[in-house]
Structure formats: C-alpha cells, structure tokens
C-alpha atoms as a PDB file:
ATOM      1  CA  MET A   1       7.219 237.491 279.544  1.00  0.00           C
ATOM      2  CA  LYS A   2       5.719 240.124 281.814  1.00  0.00           C
ATOM      3  CA  ILE A   3       6.849 240.990 285.330  1.00  0.00           C
ATOM      4  CA  ILE A   4       4.374 241.957 288.058  1.00  0.00           C
ATOM      5  CA  ILE A   5       5.942 244.168 290.738  1.00  0.00           C
ATOM      6  CA  GLY A   6       4.616 245.175 294.136  1.00  0.00           C
ATOM      7  CA  ILE A   7       5.344 245.902 297.768  1.00  0.00           C
ATOM      8  CA  TYR A   8       3.668 244.729 300.963  1.00  0.00           C
ATOM      9  CA  GLN A   9       3.926 244.644 304.738  1.00  0.00           C
ATOM     10  CA  ASN A  10       1.632 241.728 305.461  1.00  0.00           C
ATOM     11  CA  GLN A  11       2.734 238.334 304.116  1.00  0.00           C
ATOM     12  CA  ASP A  12      -0.883 237.120 304.078  1.00  0.00           C
ATOM     13  CA  ASP A  13      -1.782 239.914 301.628  1.00  0.00           C
ATOM     14  CA  ALA A  14       1.090 238.914 299.353  1.00  0.00           C
ATOM     15  CA  ASP A  15       0.144 235.230 299.535  1.00  0.00           C
ATOM     16  CA  GLU A  16      -3.451 236.105 298.598  1.00  0.00           C
ATOM     17  CA  LEU A  17      -2.211 238.059 295.563  1.00  0.00           C
ATOM     18  CA  TYR A  18      -0.010 235.139 294.498  1.00  0.00           C
ATOM     19  CA  ARG A  19      -3.018 232.815 294.816  1.00  0.00           C
ATOM     20  CA  ARG A  20      -5.287 235.135 292.780  1.00  0.00           C
ATOM     21  CA  ARG A  21      -2.636 235.393 290.060  1.00  0.00           C
ATOM     22  CA  ALA A  22      -2.127 231.606 290.165  1.00  0.00           C
ATOM     23  CA  ALA A  23       1.575 232.255 290.722  1.00  0.00           C
ATOM     24  CA  ASP A  24       3.624 229.212 291.600  1.00  0.00           C
ATOM     25  CA  ARG A  25       6.326 230.005 294.169  1.00  0.00           C
ATOM     26  CA  SER A  26       8.969 229.161 291.553  1.00  0.00           C
ATOM     27  CA  VAL A  27       8.077 232.352 289.621  1.00  0.00           C
ATOM     28  CA  VAL A  28       7.898 234.628 292.694  1.00  0.00           C
ATOM     29  CA  THR A  29      10.902 236.551 294.002  1.00  0.00           C
ATOM     30  CA  GLU A  30      10.596 238.348 297.337  1.00  0.00           C
ATOM     31  CA  THR A  31      13.038 240.923 298.646  1.00  0.00           C
ATOM     32  CA  GLY A  32      13.474 243.004 301.748  1.00  0.00           C
ATOM     33  CA  PRO A  33      13.055 244.039 304.394  1.00  0.00           C
ATOM     34  CA  PHE A  34      12.875 247.694 303.549  1.00  0.00           C
ATOM     35  CA  PHE A  35      12.683 249.850 306.637  1.00  0.00           C
ATOM     36  CA  SER A  36      10.235 252.385 305.219  1.00  0.00           C
ATOM     37  CA  LYS A  37       7.515 252.594 302.606  1.00  0.00           C
ATOM     38  CA  ASN A  38       9.605 255.192 300.739  1.00  0.00           C
ATOM     39  CA  GLN A  39      12.563 252.811 300.566  1.00  0.00           C
ATOM     40  CA  ALA A  40      10.296 250.063 299.169  1.00  0.00           C
ATOM     41  CA  LEU A  41       8.785 252.501 296.660  1.00  0.00           C
ATOM     42  CA  SER A  42      12.291 253.516 295.527  1.00  0.00           C
ATOM     43  CA  TRP A  43      13.113 249.849 294.878  1.00  0.00           C
ATOM     44  CA  MET A  44       9.880 249.473 292.900  1.00  0.00           C
ATOM     45  CA  ASP A  45      10.566 252.656 290.890  1.00  0.00           C
ATOM     46  CA  TYR A  46      14.083 251.398 290.112  1.00  0.00           C
ATOM     47  CA  LEU A  47      12.701 248.153 288.668  1.00  0.00           C
ATOM     48  CA  THR A  48       9.857 249.721 286.705  1.00  0.00           C
ATOM     49  CA  ALA A  49      12.310 252.125 285.057  1.00  0.00           C
ATOM     50  CA  ARG A  50      14.363 249.174 283.811  1.00  0.00           C
ATOM     51  CA  ILE A  51      11.737 246.566 282.903  1.00  0.00           C
ATOM     52  CA  ALA A  52       9.705 247.392 279.812  1.00  0.00           C
ATOM     53  CA  GLU A  53       7.005 244.757 280.230  1.00  0.00           C
ATOM     54  CA  CYS A  54       5.877 245.197 283.819  1.00  0.00           C
ATOM     55  CA  GLU A  55       2.697 245.751 285.778  1.00  0.00           C
ATOM     56  CA  VAL A  56       2.650 247.457 289.170  1.00  0.00           C
ATOM     57  CA  VAL A  57       0.013 246.177 291.576  1.00  0.00           C
ATOM     58  CA  ALA A  58      -1.909 248.466 293.914  1.00  0.00           C
ATOM     59  CA  ILE A  59       0.102 249.564 296.935  1.00  0.00           C
ATOM     60  CA  PRO A  60      -1.528 248.511 300.221  1.00  0.00           C
ATOM     61  CA  ASP A  61      -2.202 250.912 303.063  1.00  0.00           C
ATOM     62  CA  GLU A  62       0.548 251.194 305.630  1.00  0.00           C
ATOM     63  CA  ARG A  63       0.009 249.221 308.834  1.00  0.00           C
ATOM     64  CA  THR A  64      -0.552 251.390 311.871  1.00  0.00           C
ATOM     65  CA  ASP A  65       2.078 249.496 313.864  1.00  0.00           C
ATOM     66  CA  GLY A  66       4.761 250.315 311.318  1.00  0.00           C
ATOM     67  CA  GLY A  67       6.953 247.372 310.525  1.00  0.00           C
ATOM     68  CA  PRO A  68       9.138 246.581 307.542  1.00  0.00           C
ATOM     69  CA  TRP A  69       8.085 246.509 303.908  1.00  0.00           C
ATOM     70  CA  TYR A  70       8.929 243.824 301.382  1.00  0.00           C
ATOM     71  CA  GLY A  71       8.954 243.720 297.612  1.00  0.00           C
ATOM     72  CA  PHE A  72       8.063 241.012 295.153  1.00  0.00           C
ATOM     73  CA  THR A  73       8.165 240.211 291.477  1.00  0.00           C
ATOM     74  CA  ILE A  74       6.129 237.578 289.663  1.00  0.00           C
ATOM     75  CA  GLU A  75       7.164 236.298 286.235  1.00  0.00           C
ATOM     76  CA  VAL A  76       4.093 235.787 284.060  1.00  0.00           C
ATOM     77  CA  GLU A  77       4.194 233.979 280.759  1.00  0.00           C
ATOM     78  CA  GLU A  78       1.986 235.930 278.376  1.00  0.00           C
ATOM     79  CA  LEU A  79      -0.193 233.834 276.134  1.00  0.00           C
ATOM     80  CA  PRO A  80      -0.233 234.683 272.426  1.00  0.00           C
ATOM     81  CA  LEU A  81      -3.339 236.461 271.216  1.00  0.00           C
ATOM     82  CA  ARG A  82      -5.840 234.229 269.491  1.00  0.00           C
ATOM     83  CA  ARG A  83      -6.841 235.062 265.969  1.00  0.00           C
ATOM     84  CA  GLN A  84     -10.412 236.193 265.712  1.00  0.00           C
ATOM     85  CA  ALA A  85     -12.628 234.016 263.544  1.00  0.00           C
ATOM     86  CA  GLY A  86     -12.580 235.212 259.958  1.00  0.00           C
ATOM     87  CA  VAL A  87      -9.679 237.645 260.515  1.00  0.00           C
ATOM     88  CA  ARG A  88      -6.426 237.008 258.670  1.00  0.00           C
END
C-alpha cells in the first residue's frame, strides 16, 4: 500500500487530482482547514516523516485571495510487478 499526500486550497483542483488518480472517495481522507500554507506544509511534513511508502504531489500556487488550506491522503493499492518474459 502506498499513500499519496498533498495540500490544496481549491476543492476543484483536489477533485481533478482524485479523478486523474482514479481514486474512489472511500480511499481519500481530507483534513483541514489549515489557516496558512505553512501550517498545511507542517502537517504534510509530519506525515511524510512517519509513512515510509508515500508520494507527495506537487504543491499548488497559493490563491491571491488567501483562504484556508486543506490536506488529503489517498490510499493506493500497489500492483505486484509482472515477471518479464524469459526472466526467472
């Protein structure tokens, strides 16, 4: 199992990422609000320091109107590697 971790301000951006990753809502956890980007980054750093198998997604630009930040995790089931033909 791998965990994808990220932060966002715009829910539409997060929903687009979930769609691209084919993430069912049952494997997505959202948290927040965080009142600053630094607070959201601290949350993300805390998780990445404790989860060995994780991937951090690109951090979006901050909205000019400010606003709260949110965090998310997505649980991804990793598929086993296929054996190459002729390799034992």
